[in-house]
Amino acid sequence: MQVAALCLALLIDRWLGEPPARWHPVVWMGRYLGWAGSRIAPAANAPRRRWAPFAVSALALGQVAYSCGLSGRRRQIANVTFAFVIALVLVIILDIDRPRRGLVQVSQESMIRLQQSLEQAPQ
């Protein structure tokens, strides 16, 4: 069935060709990502929002508590594991944000060598 669907899709693509940019789904996705990226990605001089990961984790844990209340059952091990995983992810995110002070320490030597090699490369 999957092979037949693939063959049909290839035949339709061969017969109709590429749709115009106005109707092309990839163009739609690119436009949306450009629009959303300008609102989501911080500018270079924007202040850091360190509260955002904590807000997301609080909302996620709130959702778990709400779903436990709706079902009337608590899955203690699953809830504790979920809370632990969220805490671990937050620690890793904040640690990567501080490359010289955290648990994950990154040397800048490779970036310095790359910059030097790019400066020495013939134009």
PDB file of N, CA and C in Angstrom:
ATOM      1  N   MET A   1       0.814  -1.193   0.000  1.00  0.00           N
ATOM      2  CA  MET A   1       0.000   0.000   0.000  1.00  0.00           C
ATOM      3  C   MET A   1       0.855   1.253   0.000  1.00  0.00           C
ATOM      4  N   GLN A   2       1.946   1.225   0.780  1.00  0.00           N
ATOM      5  CA  GLN A   2       2.827   2.381   0.846  1.00  0.00           C
ATOM      6  C   GLN A   2       3.541   2.601  -0.482  1.00  0.00           C
ATOM      7  N   VAL A   3       3.916   1.522  -1.130  1.00  0.00           N
ATOM      8  CA  VAL A   3       4.592   1.633  -2.428  1.00  0.00           C
ATOM      9  C   VAL A   3       3.630   2.221  -3.451  1.00  0.00           C
ATOM     10  N   ALA A   4       2.368   1.792  -3.406  1.00  0.00           N
ATOM     11  CA  ALA A   4       1.380   2.326  -4.340  1.00  0.00           C
ATOM     12  C   ALA A   4       1.161   3.812  -4.097  1.00  0.00           C
ATOM     13  N   ALA A   5       1.117   4.234  -2.829  1.00  0.00           N
ATOM     14  CA  ALA A   5       0.942   5.649  -2.517  1.00  0.00           C
ATOM     15  C   ALA A   5       2.135   6.459  -2.997  1.00  0.00           C
ATOM     16  N   LEU A   6       3.337   5.920  -2.825  1.00  0.00           N
ATOM     17  CA  LEU A   6       4.532   6.598  -3.291  1.00  0.00           C
ATOM     18  C   LEU A   6       4.532   6.725  -4.812  1.00  0.00           C
ATOM     19  N   CYS A   7       4.184   5.657  -5.503  1.00  0.00           N
ATOM     20  CA  CYS A   7       4.122   5.705  -6.973  1.00  0.00           C
ATOM     21  C   CYS A   7       3.072   6.699  -7.445  1.00  0.00           C
ATOM     22  N   LEU A   8       1.925   6.720  -6.790  1.00  0.00           N
ATOM     23  CA  LEU A   8       0.885   7.672  -7.145  1.00  0.00           C
ATOM     24  C   LEU A   8       1.359   9.105  -6.918  1.00  0.00           C
ATOM     25  N   ALA A   9       2.035   9.344  -5.799  1.00  0.00           N
ATOM     26  CA  ALA A   9       2.553  10.682  -5.515  1.00  0.00           C
ATOM     27  C   ALA A   9       3.581  11.103  -6.553  1.00  0.00           C
ATOM     28  N   LEU A  10       4.455  10.193  -6.957  1.00  0.00           N
ATOM     29  CA  LEU A  10       5.451  10.513  -7.979  1.00  0.00           C
ATOM     30  C   LEU A  10       4.796  10.796  -9.326  1.00  0.00           C
ATOM     31  N   LEU A  11       3.760  10.033  -9.682  1.00  0.00           N
ATOM     32  CA  LEU A  11       3.051  10.277 -10.940  1.00  0.00           C
ATOM     33  C   LEU A  11       2.352  11.630 -10.932  1.00  0.00           C
ATOM     34  N   ILE A  12       1.709  11.965  -9.827  1.00  0.00           N
ATOM     35  CA  ILE A  12       1.043  13.268  -9.727  1.00  0.00           C
ATOM     36  C   ILE A  12       2.062  14.388  -9.805  1.00  0.00           C
ATOM     37  N   ASP A  13       3.196  14.220  -9.127  1.00  0.00           N
ATOM     38  CA  ASP A  13       4.243  15.238  -9.170  1.00  0.00           C
ATOM     39  C   ASP A  13       4.809  15.383 -10.577  1.00  0.00           C
ATOM     40  N   ARG A  14       4.979  14.280 -11.260  1.00  0.00           N
ATOM     41  CA  ARG A  14       5.496  14.324 -12.634  1.00  0.00           C
ATOM     42  C   ARG A  14       4.480  14.980 -13.568  1.00  0.00           C
ATOM     43  N   TRP A  15       3.200  14.692 -13.351  1.00  0.00           N
ATOM     44  CA  TRP A  15       2.144  15.201 -14.224  1.00  0.00           C
ATOM     45  C   TRP A  15       1.887  16.696 -13.990  1.00  0.00           C
ATOM     46  N   LEU A  16       1.786  17.104 -12.704  1.00  0.00           N
ATOM     47  CA  LEU A  16       1.464  18.498 -12.396  1.00  0.00           C
ATOM     48  C   LEU A  16       2.692  19.379 -12.217  1.00  0.00           C
ATOM     49  N   GLY A  17       3.814  18.793 -11.832  1.00  0.00           N
ATOM     50  CA  GLY A  17       5.013  19.587 -11.596  1.00  0.00           C
ATOM     51  C   GLY A  17       4.953  20.319 -10.263  1.00  0.00           C
ATOM     52  N   GLU A  18       5.886  21.234 -10.069  1.00  0.00           N
ATOM     53  CA  GLU A  18       5.944  22.006  -8.828  1.00  0.00           C
ATOM     54  C   GLU A  18       4.822  23.034  -8.800  1.00  0.00           C
ATOM     55  N   PRO A  19       4.161  23.171  -7.654  1.00  0.00           N
ATOM     56  CA  PRO A  19       3.146  24.218  -7.561  1.00  0.00           C
ATOM     57  C   PRO A  19       3.815  25.593  -7.497  1.00  0.00           C
ATOM     58  N   PRO A  20       3.091  26.650  -7.866  1.00  0.00           N
ATOM     59  CA  PRO A  20       3.666  27.985  -7.739  1.00  0.00           C
ATOM     60  C   PRO A  20       3.999  28.300  -6.283  1.00  0.00           C
ATOM     61  N   ALA A  21       4.895  29.240  -6.067  1.00  0.00           N
ATOM     62  CA  ALA A  21       5.345  29.565  -4.709  1.00  0.00           C
ATOM     63  C   ALA A  21       4.176  29.970  -3.818  1.00  0.00           C
ATOM     64  N   ARG A  22       3.156  30.570  -4.400  1.00  0.00           N
ATOM     65  CA  ARG A  22       2.003  31.004  -3.608  1.00  0.00           C
ATOM     66  C   ARG A  22       1.295  29.817  -2.958  1.00  0.00           C
ATOM     67  N   TRP A  23       1.296  28.670  -3.609  1.00  0.00           N
ATOM     68  CA  TRP A  23       0.576  27.500  -3.114  1.00  0.00           C
ATOM     69  C   TRP A  23       1.490  26.386  -2.605  1.00  0.00           C
ATOM     70  N   HIS A  24       2.766  26.629  -2.515  1.00  0.00           N
ATOM     71  CA  HIS A  24       3.715  25.588  -2.124  1.00  0.00           C
ATOM     72  C   HIS A  24       3.801  25.487  -0.600  1.00  0.00           C
ATOM     73  N   PRO A  25       3.574  24.292  -0.029  1.00  0.00           N
ATOM     74  CA  PRO A  25       3.592  24.158   1.433  1.00  0.00           C
ATOM     75  C   PRO A  25       4.947  24.457   2.053  1.00  0.00           C
ATOM     76  N   VAL A  26       6.032  24.177   1.356  1.00  0.00           N
ATOM     77  CA  VAL A  26       7.358  24.457   1.915  1.00  0.00           C
ATOM     78  C   VAL A  26       7.570  25.964   2.022  1.00  0.00           C
ATOM     79  N   VAL A  27       7.067  26.713   1.055  1.00  0.00           N
ATOM     80  CA  VAL A  27       7.149  28.171   1.112  1.00  0.00           C
ATOM     81  C   VAL A  27       6.325  28.684   2.289  1.00  0.00           C
ATOM     82  N   TRP A  28       5.163  28.086   2.519  1.00  0.00           N
ATOM     83  CA  TRP A  28       4.336  28.479   3.665  1.00  0.00           C
ATOM     84  C   TRP A  28       5.091  28.255   4.973  1.00  0.00           C
ATOM     85  N   MET A  29       5.741  27.077   5.085  1.00  0.00           N
ATOM     86  CA  MET A  29       6.486  26.780   6.306  1.00  0.00           C
ATOM     87  C   MET A  29       7.632  27.761   6.495  1.00  0.00           C
ATOM     88  N   GLY A  30       8.331  28.089   5.407  1.00  0.00           N
ATOM     89  CA  GLY A  30       9.430  29.042   5.501  1.00  0.00           C
ATOM     90  C   GLY A  30       8.960  30.409   5.948  1.00  0.00           C
ATOM     91  N   ARG A  31       7.847  30.852   5.407  1.00  0.00           N
ATOM     92  CA  ARG A  31       7.306  32.157   5.812  1.00  0.00           C
ATOM     93  C   ARG A  31       6.882  32.144   7.277  1.00  0.00           C
ATOM     94  N   TYR A  32       6.241  31.046   7.685  1.00  0.00           N
ATOM     95  CA  TYR A  32       5.828  30.954   9.079  1.00  0.00           C
ATOM     96  C   TYR A  32       7.042  30.940  10.006  1.00  0.00           C
ATOM     97  N   LEU A  33       8.061  30.152   9.664  1.00  0.00           N
ATOM     98  CA  LEU A  33       9.245  30.073  10.513  1.00  0.00           C
ATOM     99  C   LEU A  33       9.961  31.414  10.583  1.00  0.00           C
ATOM    100  N   GLY A  34       9.997  32.155   9.460  1.00  0.00           N
ATOM    101  CA  GLY A  34      10.584  33.487   9.477  1.00  0.00           C
ATOM    102  C   GLY A  34       9.806  34.421  10.383  1.00  0.00           C
ATOM    103  N   TRP A  35       8.478  34.339  10.307  1.00  0.00           N
ATOM    104  CA  TRP A  35       7.628  35.182  11.149  1.00  0.00           C
ATOM    105  C   TRP A  35       7.783  34.801  12.615  1.00  0.00           C
ATOM    106  N   ALA A  36       7.696  33.501  12.912  1.00  0.00           N
ATOM    107  CA  ALA A  36       7.769  33.051  14.300  1.00  0.00           C
ATOM    108  C   ALA A  36       9.174  33.223  14.867  1.00  0.00           C
ATOM    109  N   GLY A  37      10.190  33.014  14.030  1.00  0.00           N
ATOM    110  CA  GLY A  37      11.566  33.138  14.513  1.00  0.00           C
ATOM    111  C   GLY A  37      11.900  34.537  14.973  1.00  0.00           C
ATOM    112  N   SER A  38      11.351  35.537  14.289  1.00  0.00           N
ATOM    113  CA  SER A  38      11.629  36.913  14.693  1.00  0.00           C
ATOM    114  C   SER A  38      10.971  37.237  16.031  1.00  0.00           C
ATOM    115  N   ARG A  39       9.966  36.492  16.407  1.00  0.00           N
ATOM    116  CA  ARG A  39       9.294  36.733  17.682  1.00  0.00           C
ATOM    117  C   ARG A  39       9.835  35.844  18.797  1.00  0.00           C
ATOM    118  N   ILE A  40      10.350  34.675  18.431  1.00  0.00           N
ATOM    119  CA  ILE A  40      10.814  33.727  19.442  1.00  0.00           C
ATOM    120  C   ILE A  40      12.298  33.920  19.752  1.00  0.00           C
ATOM    121  N   ALA A  41      13.115  33.998  18.698  1.00  0.00           N
ATOM    122  CA  ALA A  41      14.563  34.084  18.887  1.00  0.00           C
ATOM    123  C   ALA A  41      14.918  35.470  19.431  1.00  0.00           C
ATOM    124  N   PRO A  42      15.722  35.527  20.461  1.00  0.00           N
ATOM    125  CA  PRO A  42      16.082  36.834  21.016  1.00  0.00           C
ATOM    126  C   PRO A  42      17.073  37.568  20.122  1.00  0.00           C
ATOM    127  N   ALA A  43      16.961  38.856  20.124  1.00  0.00           N
ATOM    128  CA  ALA A  43      17.934  39.678  19.408  1.00  0.00           C
ATOM    129  C   ALA A  43      19.251  39.636  20.169  1.00  0.00           C
ATOM    130  N   ALA A  44      20.321  40.054  19.516  1.00  0.00           N
ATOM    131  CA  ALA A  44      21.647  39.984  20.139  1.00  0.00           C
ATOM    132  C   ALA A  44      21.728  40.846  21.394  1.00  0.00           C
ATOM    133  N   ASN A  45      21.025  41.948  21.418  1.00  0.00           N
ATOM    134  CA  ASN A  45      21.121  42.844  22.568  1.00  0.00           C
ATOM    135  C   ASN A  45      19.935  42.710  23.526  1.00  0.00           C
ATOM    136  N   ALA A  46      19.104  41.698  23.332  1.00  0.00           N
ATOM    137  CA  ALA A  46      17.937  41.512  24.192  1.00  0.00           C
ATOM    138  C   ALA A  46      18.365  40.941  25.536  1.00  0.00           C
ATOM    139  N   PRO A  47      17.694  41.328  26.616  1.00  0.00           N
ATOM    140  CA  PRO A  47      18.053  40.754  27.922  1.00  0.00           C
ATOM    141  C   PRO A  47      17.673  39.282  27.991  1.00  0.00           C
ATOM    142  N   ARG A  48      18.438  38.528  28.745  1.00  0.00           N
ATOM    143  CA  ARG A  48      18.182  37.101  28.887  1.00  0.00           C
ATOM    144  C   ARG A  48      16.911  36.868  29.687  1.00  0.00           C
ATOM    145  N   ARG A  49      16.175  35.858  29.303  1.00  0.00           N
ATOM    146  CA  ARG A  49      14.960  35.493  30.026  1.00  0.00           C
ATOM    147  C   ARG A  49      15.205  34.177  30.746  1.00  0.00           C
ATOM    148  N   ARG A  50      15.769  34.240  31.899  1.00  0.00           N
ATOM    149  CA  ARG A  50      16.099  33.025  32.633  1.00  0.00           C
ATOM    150  C   ARG A  50      14.875  32.397  33.291  1.00  0.00           C
ATOM    151  N   TRP A  51      13.785  33.087  33.367  1.00  0.00           N
ATOM    152  CA  TRP A  51      12.589  32.559  34.006  1.00  0.00           C
ATOM    153  C   TRP A  51      11.800  31.652  33.068  1.00  0.00           C
ATOM    154  N   ALA A  52      12.033  31.726  31.765  1.00  0.00           N
ATOM    155  CA  ALA A  52      11.219  30.977  30.805  1.00  0.00           C
ATOM    156  C   ALA A  52      11.292  29.459  31.013  1.00  0.00           C
ATOM    157  N   PRO A  53      12.471  28.841  31.174  1.00  0.00           N
ATOM    158  CA  PRO A  53      12.477  27.383  31.401  1.00  0.00           C
ATOM    159  C   PRO A  53      11.739  26.985  32.673  1.00  0.00           C
ATOM    160  N   PHE A  54      11.827  27.819  33.699  1.00  0.00           N
ATOM    161  CA  PHE A  54      11.135  27.504  34.939  1.00  0.00           C
ATOM    162  C   PHE A  54       9.624  27.620  34.773  1.00  0.00           C
ATOM    163  N   ALA A  55       9.189  28.595  33.994  1.00  0.00           N
ATOM    164  CA  ALA A  55       7.757  28.730  33.736  1.00  0.00           C
ATOM    165  C   ALA A  55       7.229  27.533  32.955  1.00  0.00           C
ATOM    166  N   VAL A  56       7.999  27.092  31.962  1.00  0.00           N
ATOM    167  CA  VAL A  56       7.580  25.924  31.174  1.00  0.00           C
ATOM    168  C   VAL A  56       7.517  24.678  32.055  1.00  0.00           C
ATOM    169  N   SER A  57       8.505  24.498  32.911  1.00  0.00           N
ATOM    170  CA  SER A  57       8.493  23.320  33.779  1.00  0.00           C
ATOM    171  C   SER A  57       7.353  23.393  34.791  1.00  0.00           C
ATOM    172  N   ALA A  58       7.066  24.586  35.310  1.00  0.00           N
ATOM    173  CA  ALA A  58       5.945  24.724  36.244  1.00  0.00           C
ATOM    174  C   ALA A  58       4.630  24.401  35.546  1.00  0.00           C
ATOM    175  N   LEU A  59       4.468  24.845  34.313  1.00  0.00           N
ATOM    176  CA  LEU A  59       3.254  24.520  33.565  1.00  0.00           C
ATOM    177  C   LEU A  59       3.151  23.021  33.298  1.00  0.00           C
ATOM    178  N   ALA A  60       4.272  22.387  32.962  1.00  0.00           N
ATOM    179  CA  ALA A  60       4.252  20.945  32.702  1.00  0.00           C
ATOM    180  C   ALA A  60       3.902  20.167  33.967  1.00  0.00           C
ATOM    181  N   LEU A  61       4.500  20.535  35.076  1.00  0.00           N
ATOM    182  CA  LEU A  61       4.183  19.846  36.328  1.00  0.00           C
ATOM    183  C   LEU A  61       2.748  20.137  36.766  1.00  0.00           C
ATOM    184  N   GLY A  62       2.270  21.340  36.495  1.00  0.00           N
ATOM    185  CA  GLY A  62       0.873  21.649  36.781  1.00  0.00           C
ATOM    186  C   GLY A  62      -0.072  20.793  35.960  1.00  0.00           C
ATOM    187  N   GLN A  63       0.298  20.550  34.707  1.00  0.00           N
ATOM    188  CA  GLN A  63      -0.517  19.689  33.849  1.00  0.00           C
ATOM    189  C   GLN A  63      -0.554  18.262  34.386  1.00  0.00           C
ATOM    190  N   VAL A  64       0.572  17.775  34.878  1.00  0.00           N
ATOM    191  CA  VAL A  64       0.606  16.431  35.466  1.00  0.00           C
ATOM    192  C   VAL A  64      -0.301  16.373  36.692  1.00  0.00           C
ATOM    193  N   ALA A  65      -0.222  17.397  37.540  1.00  0.00           N
ATOM    194  CA  ALA A  65      -1.070  17.417  38.731  1.00  0.00           C
ATOM    195  C   ALA A  65      -2.544  17.483  38.350  1.00  0.00           C
ATOM    196  N   TYR A  66      -2.866  18.281  37.350  1.00  0.00           N
ATOM    197  CA  TYR A  66      -4.252  18.405  36.911  1.00  0.00           C
ATOM    198  C   TYR A  66      -4.771  17.080  36.355  1.00  0.00           C
ATOM    199  N   SER A  67      -3.940  16.404  35.549  1.00  0.00           N
ATOM    200  CA  SER A  67      -4.380  15.123  34.981  1.00  0.00           C
ATOM    201  C   SER A  67      -4.531  14.060  36.070  1.00  0.00           C
ATOM    202  N   CYS A  68      -3.688  14.105  37.093  1.00  0.00           N
ATOM    203  CA  CYS A  68      -3.854  13.171  38.216  1.00  0.00           C
ATOM    204  C   CYS A  68      -5.155  13.450  38.951  1.00  0.00           C
ATOM    205  N   GLY A  69      -5.509  14.728  39.087  1.00  0.00           N
ATOM    206  CA  GLY A  69      -6.758  15.075  39.742  1.00  0.00           C
ATOM    207  C   GLY A  69      -7.967  14.629  38.939  1.00  0.00           C
ATOM    208  N   LEU A  70      -7.869  14.728  37.612  1.00  0.00           N
ATOM    209  CA  LEU A  70      -8.987  14.299  36.769  1.00  0.00           C
ATOM    210  C   LEU A  70      -9.184  12.789  36.796  1.00  0.00           C
ATOM    211  N   SER A  71      -8.081  12.066  36.771  1.00  0.00           N
ATOM    212  CA  SER A  71      -8.193  10.603  36.720  1.00  0.00           C
ATOM    213  C   SER A  71      -8.500  10.007  38.092  1.00  0.00           C
ATOM    214  N   GLY A  72      -8.188  10.738  39.147  1.00  0.00           N
ATOM    215  CA  GLY A  72      -8.437  10.223  40.487  1.00  0.00           C
ATOM    216  C   GLY A  72      -7.375   9.250  40.953  1.00  0.00           C
ATOM    217  N   ARG A  73      -6.331   9.046  40.148  1.00  0.00           N
ATOM    218  CA  ARG A  73      -5.246   8.142  40.512  1.00  0.00           C
ATOM    219  C   ARG A  73      -3.925   8.893  40.427  1.00  0.00           C
ATOM    220  N   ARG A  74      -3.000   8.495  41.270  1.00  0.00           N
ATOM    221  CA  ARG A  74      -1.658   9.067  41.201  1.00  0.00           C
ATOM    222  C   ARG A  74      -0.684   7.960  40.862  1.00  0.00           C
ATOM    223  N   ARG A  75       0.162   8.232  39.938  1.00  0.00           N
ATOM    224  CA  ARG A  75       1.250   7.304  39.618  1.00  0.00           C
ATOM    225  C   ARG A  75       2.516   7.923  40.202  1.00  0.00           C
ATOM    226  N   GLN A  76       2.793   7.558  41.424  1.00  0.00           N
ATOM    227  CA  GLN A  76       3.866   8.189  42.179  1.00  0.00           C
ATOM    228  C   GLN A  76       5.206   8.091  41.458  1.00  0.00           C
ATOM    229  N   ILE A  77       5.574   6.921  40.989  1.00  0.00           N
ATOM    230  CA  ILE A  77       6.885   6.732  40.359  1.00  0.00           C
ATOM    231  C   ILE A  77       6.978   7.543  39.070  1.00  0.00           C
ATOM    232  N   ALA A  78       5.931   7.523  38.262  1.00  0.00           N
ATOM    233  CA  ALA A  78       5.953   8.266  36.999  1.00  0.00           C
ATOM    234  C   ALA A  78       6.031   9.765  37.250  1.00  0.00           C
ATOM    235  N   ASN A  79       5.299  10.268  38.240  1.00  0.00           N
ATOM    236  CA  ASN A  79       5.321  11.704  38.519  1.00  0.00           C
ATOM    237  C   ASN A  79       6.671  12.161  39.060  1.00  0.00           C
ATOM    238  N   VAL A  80       7.257  11.384  39.945  1.00  0.00           N
ATOM    239  CA  VAL A  80       8.571  11.734  40.478  1.00  0.00           C
ATOM    240  C   VAL A  80       9.616  11.673  39.381  1.00  0.00           C
ATOM    241  N   THR A  81       9.532  10.653  38.529  1.00  0.00           N
ATOM    242  CA  THR A  81      10.475  10.547  37.410  1.00  0.00           C
ATOM    243  C   THR A  81      10.326  11.729  36.464  1.00  0.00           C
ATOM    244  N   PHE A  82       9.096  12.125  36.170  1.00  0.00           N
ATOM    245  CA  PHE A  82       8.855  13.265  35.292  1.00  0.00           C
ATOM    246  C   PHE A  82       9.434  14.546  35.888  1.00  0.00           C
ATOM    247  N   ALA A  83       9.202  14.771  37.180  1.00  0.00           N
ATOM    248  CA  ALA A  83       9.740  15.962  37.846  1.00  0.00           C
ATOM    249  C   ALA A  83      11.268  15.939  37.836  1.00  0.00           C
ATOM    250  N   PHE A  84      11.853  14.767  38.060  1.00  0.00           N
ATOM    251  CA  PHE A  84      13.311  14.650  38.041  1.00  0.00           C
ATOM    252  C   PHE A  84      13.872  14.952  36.651  1.00  0.00           C
ATOM    253  N   VAL A  85      13.230  14.442  35.615  1.00  0.00           N
ATOM    254  CA  VAL A  85      13.704  14.682  34.240  1.00  0.00           C
ATOM    255  C   VAL A  85      13.606  16.161  33.896  1.00  0.00           C
ATOM    256  N   ILE A  86      12.526  16.816  34.280  1.00  0.00           N
ATOM    257  CA  ILE A  86      12.403  18.257  34.014  1.00  0.00           C
ATOM    258  C   ILE A  86      13.494  19.025  34.754  1.00  0.00           C
ATOM    259  N   ALA A  87      13.738  18.675  36.011  1.00  0.00           N
ATOM    260  CA  ALA A  87      14.794  19.347  36.770  1.00  0.00           C
ATOM    261  C   ALA A  87      16.159  19.113  36.127  1.00  0.00           C
ATOM    262  N   LEU A  88      16.408  17.907  35.661  1.00  0.00           N
ATOM    263  CA  LEU A  88      17.677  17.599  35.013  1.00  0.00           C
ATOM    264  C   LEU A  88      17.855  18.398  33.722  1.00  0.00           C
ATOM    265  N   VAL A  89      16.798  18.486  32.932  1.00  0.00           N
ATOM    266  CA  VAL A  89      16.868  19.261  31.692  1.00  0.00           C
ATOM    267  C   VAL A  89      17.147  20.731  31.996  1.00  0.00           C
ATOM    268  N   LEU A  90      16.495  21.275  33.020  1.00  0.00           N
ATOM    269  CA  LEU A  90      16.743  22.670  33.392  1.00  0.00           C
ATOM    270  C   LEU A  90      18.180  22.885  33.837  1.00  0.00           C
ATOM    271  N   VAL A  91      18.705  21.961  34.610  1.00  0.00           N
ATOM    272  CA  VAL A  91      20.095  22.087  35.056  1.00  0.00           C
ATOM    273  C   VAL A  91      21.040  22.059  33.855  1.00  0.00           C
ATOM    274  N   ILE A  92      20.790  21.171  32.915  1.00  0.00           N
ATOM    275  CA  ILE A  92      21.653  21.086  31.731  1.00  0.00           C
ATOM    276  C   ILE A  92      21.552  22.355  30.895  1.00  0.00           C
ATOM    277  N   ILE A  93      20.336  22.871  30.706  1.00  0.00           N
ATOM    278  CA  ILE A  93      20.165  24.098  29.923  1.00  0.00           C
ATOM    279  C   ILE A  93      20.904  25.259  30.576  1.00  0.00           C
ATOM    280  N   LEU A  94      20.726  25.425  31.864  1.00  0.00           N
ATOM    281  CA  LEU A  94      21.392  26.527  32.554  1.00  0.00           C
ATOM    282  C   LEU A  94      22.899  26.326  32.614  1.00  0.00           C
ATOM    283  N   ASP A  95      23.339  25.076  32.671  1.00  0.00           N
ATOM    284  CA  ASP A  95      24.772  24.812  32.697  1.00  0.00           C
ATOM    285  C   ASP A  95      25.412  25.108  31.346  1.00  0.00           C
ATOM    286  N   ILE A  96      24.751  24.766  30.271  1.00  0.00           N
ATOM    287  CA  ILE A  96      25.284  25.051  28.943  1.00  0.00           C
ATOM    288  C   ILE A  96      25.303  26.550  28.695  1.00  0.00           C
ATOM    289  N   ASP A  97      24.394  27.270  29.338  1.00  0.00           N
ATOM    290  CA  ASP A  97      24.338  28.721  29.193  1.00  0.00           C
ATOM    291  C   ASP A  97      25.549  29.396  29.822  1.00  0.00           C
ATOM    292  N   ARG A  98      26.238  28.701  30.727  1.00  0.00           N
ATOM    293  CA  ARG A  98      27.439  29.244  31.384  1.00  0.00           C
ATOM    294  C   ARG A  98      28.635  28.361  31.033  1.00  0.00           C
ATOM    295  N   PRO A  99      29.206  28.504  29.834  1.00  0.00           N
ATOM    296  CA  PRO A  99      30.214  27.545  29.381  1.00  0.00           C
ATOM    297  C   PRO A  99      31.524  27.569  30.159  1.00  0.00           C
ATOM    298  N   ARG A 100      31.811  28.605  30.924  1.00  0.00           N
ATOM    299  CA  ARG A 100      33.088  28.650  31.633  1.00  0.00           C
ATOM    300  C   ARG A 100      32.963  28.362  33.123  1.00  0.00           C
ATOM    301  N   ARG A 101      31.739  28.353  33.660  1.00  0.00           N
ATOM    302  CA  ARG A 101      31.568  28.188  35.099  1.00  0.00           C
ATOM    303  C   ARG A 101      30.846  26.917  35.480  1.00  0.00           C
ATOM    304  N   GLY A 102      30.160  26.259  34.551  1.00  0.00           N
ATOM    305  CA  GLY A 102      29.291  25.140  34.900  1.00  0.00           C
ATOM    306  C   GLY A 102      30.008  23.805  34.914  1.00  0.00           C
ATOM    307  N   LEU A 103      29.217  22.748  34.968  1.00  0.00           N
ATOM    308  CA  LEU A 103      29.751  21.393  34.939  1.00  0.00           C
ATOM    309  C   LEU A 103      30.330  21.059  33.573  1.00  0.00           C
ATOM    310  N   VAL A 104      29.659  21.535  32.528  1.00  0.00           N
ATOM    311  CA  VAL A 104      30.138  21.329  31.163  1.00  0.00           C
ATOM    312  C   VAL A 104      30.984  22.540  30.806  1.00  0.00           C
ATOM    313  N   GLN A 105      32.286  22.349  30.802  1.00  0.00           N
ATOM    314  CA  GLN A 105      33.183  23.462  30.490  1.00  0.00           C
ATOM    315  C   GLN A 105      33.718  23.288  29.088  1.00  0.00           C
ATOM    316  N   VAL A 106      33.573  24.332  28.299  1.00  0.00           N
ATOM    317  CA  VAL A 106      33.949  24.283  26.903  1.00  0.00           C
ATOM    318  C   VAL A 106      35.148  25.197  26.685  1.00  0.00           C
ATOM    319  N   SER A 107      36.177  24.655  26.088  1.00  0.00           N
ATOM    320  CA  SER A 107      37.345  25.451  25.769  1.00  0.00           C
ATOM    321  C   SER A 107      37.091  26.253  24.499  1.00  0.00           C
ATOM    322  N   GLN A 108      37.602  27.454  24.476  1.00  0.00           N
ATOM    323  CA  GLN A 108      37.433  28.312  23.307  1.00  0.00           C
ATOM    324  C   GLN A 108      38.605  28.162  22.330  1.00  0.00           C
ATOM    325  N   GLU A 109      39.513  27.246  22.613  1.00  0.00           N
ATOM    326  CA  GLU A 109      40.705  27.072  21.779  1.00  0.00           C
ATOM    327  C   GLU A 109      40.355  26.703  20.340  1.00  0.00           C
ATOM    328  N   SER A 110      39.406  25.811  20.151  1.00  0.00           N
ATOM    329  CA  SER A 110      39.053  25.413  18.788  1.00  0.00           C
ATOM    330  C   SER A 110      38.447  26.573  18.012  1.00  0.00           C
ATOM    331  N   MET A 111      37.676  27.420  18.678  1.00  0.00           N
ATOM    332  CA  MET A 111      37.106  28.583  18.001  1.00  0.00           C
ATOM    333  C   MET A 111      38.191  29.599  17.645  1.00  0.00           C
ATOM    334  N   ILE A 112      39.183  29.736  18.509  1.00  0.00           N
ATOM    335  CA  ILE A 112      40.292  30.651  18.229  1.00  0.00           C
ATOM    336  C   ILE A 112      41.096  30.149  17.033  1.00  0.00           C
ATOM    337  N   ARG A 113      41.363  28.829  16.987  1.00  0.00           N
ATOM    338  CA  ARG A 113      42.088  28.271  15.840  1.00  0.00           C
ATOM    339  C   ARG A 113      41.297  28.434  14.551  1.00  0.00           C
ATOM    340  N   LEU A 114      39.983  28.228  14.624  1.00  0.00           N
ATOM    341  CA  LEU A 114      39.141  28.416  13.437  1.00  0.00           C
ATOM    342  C   LEU A 114      39.185  29.857  12.963  1.00  0.00           C
ATOM    343  N   GLN A 115      39.100  30.796  13.878  1.00  0.00           N
ATOM    344  CA  GLN A 115      39.155  32.201  13.495  1.00  0.00           C
ATOM    345  C   GLN A 115      40.502  32.539  12.854  1.00  0.00           C
ATOM    346  N   GLN A 116      41.580  32.022  13.407  1.00  0.00           N
ATOM    347  CA  GLN A 116      42.901  32.275  12.838  1.00  0.00           C
ATOM    348  C   GLN A 116      43.033  31.670  11.450  1.00  0.00           C
ATOM    349  N   SER A 117      42.490  30.458  11.268  1.00  0.00           N
ATOM    350  CA  SER A 117      42.581  29.826   9.938  1.00  0.00           C
ATOM    351  C   SER A 117      41.723  30.557   8.924  1.00  0.00           C
ATOM    352  N   LEU A 118      40.607  31.103   9.339  1.00  0.00           N
ATOM    353  CA  LEU A 118      39.776  31.875   8.407  1.00  0.00           C
ATOM    354  C   LEU A 118      40.426  33.199   8.038  1.00  0.00           C
ATOM    355  N   GLU A 119      41.127  33.796   8.986  1.00  0.00           N
ATOM    356  CA  GLU A 119      41.820  35.045   8.692  1.00  0.00           C
ATOM    357  C   GLU A 119      43.015  34.821   7.748  1.00  0.00           C
ATOM    358  N   GLN A 120      43.634  33.648   7.827  1.00  0.00           N
ATOM    359  CA  GLN A 120      44.791  33.357   6.989  1.00  0.00           C
ATOM    360  C   GLN A 120      44.419  32.777   5.626  1.00  0.00           C
ATOM    361  N   ALA A 121      43.176  32.371   5.452  1.00  0.00           N
ATOM    362  CA  ALA A 121      42.750  31.750   4.192  1.00  0.00           C
ATOM    363  C   ALA A 121      42.815  32.771   3.059  1.00  0.00           C
ATOM    364  N   PRO A 122      43.239  32.305   1.859  1.00  0.00           N
ATOM    365  CA  PRO A 122      43.281  33.240   0.726  1.00  0.00           C
ATOM    366  C   PRO A 122      41.871  33.640   0.318  1.00  0.00           C
ATOM    367  N   GLN A 123      41.724  34.856  -0.078  1.00  0.00           N
ATOM    368  CA  GLN A 123      40.410  35.383  -0.454  1.00  0.00           C
ATOM    369  C   GLN A 123      40.064  34.967  -1.834  1.00  0.00           C
TER     370      GLN A 123
END
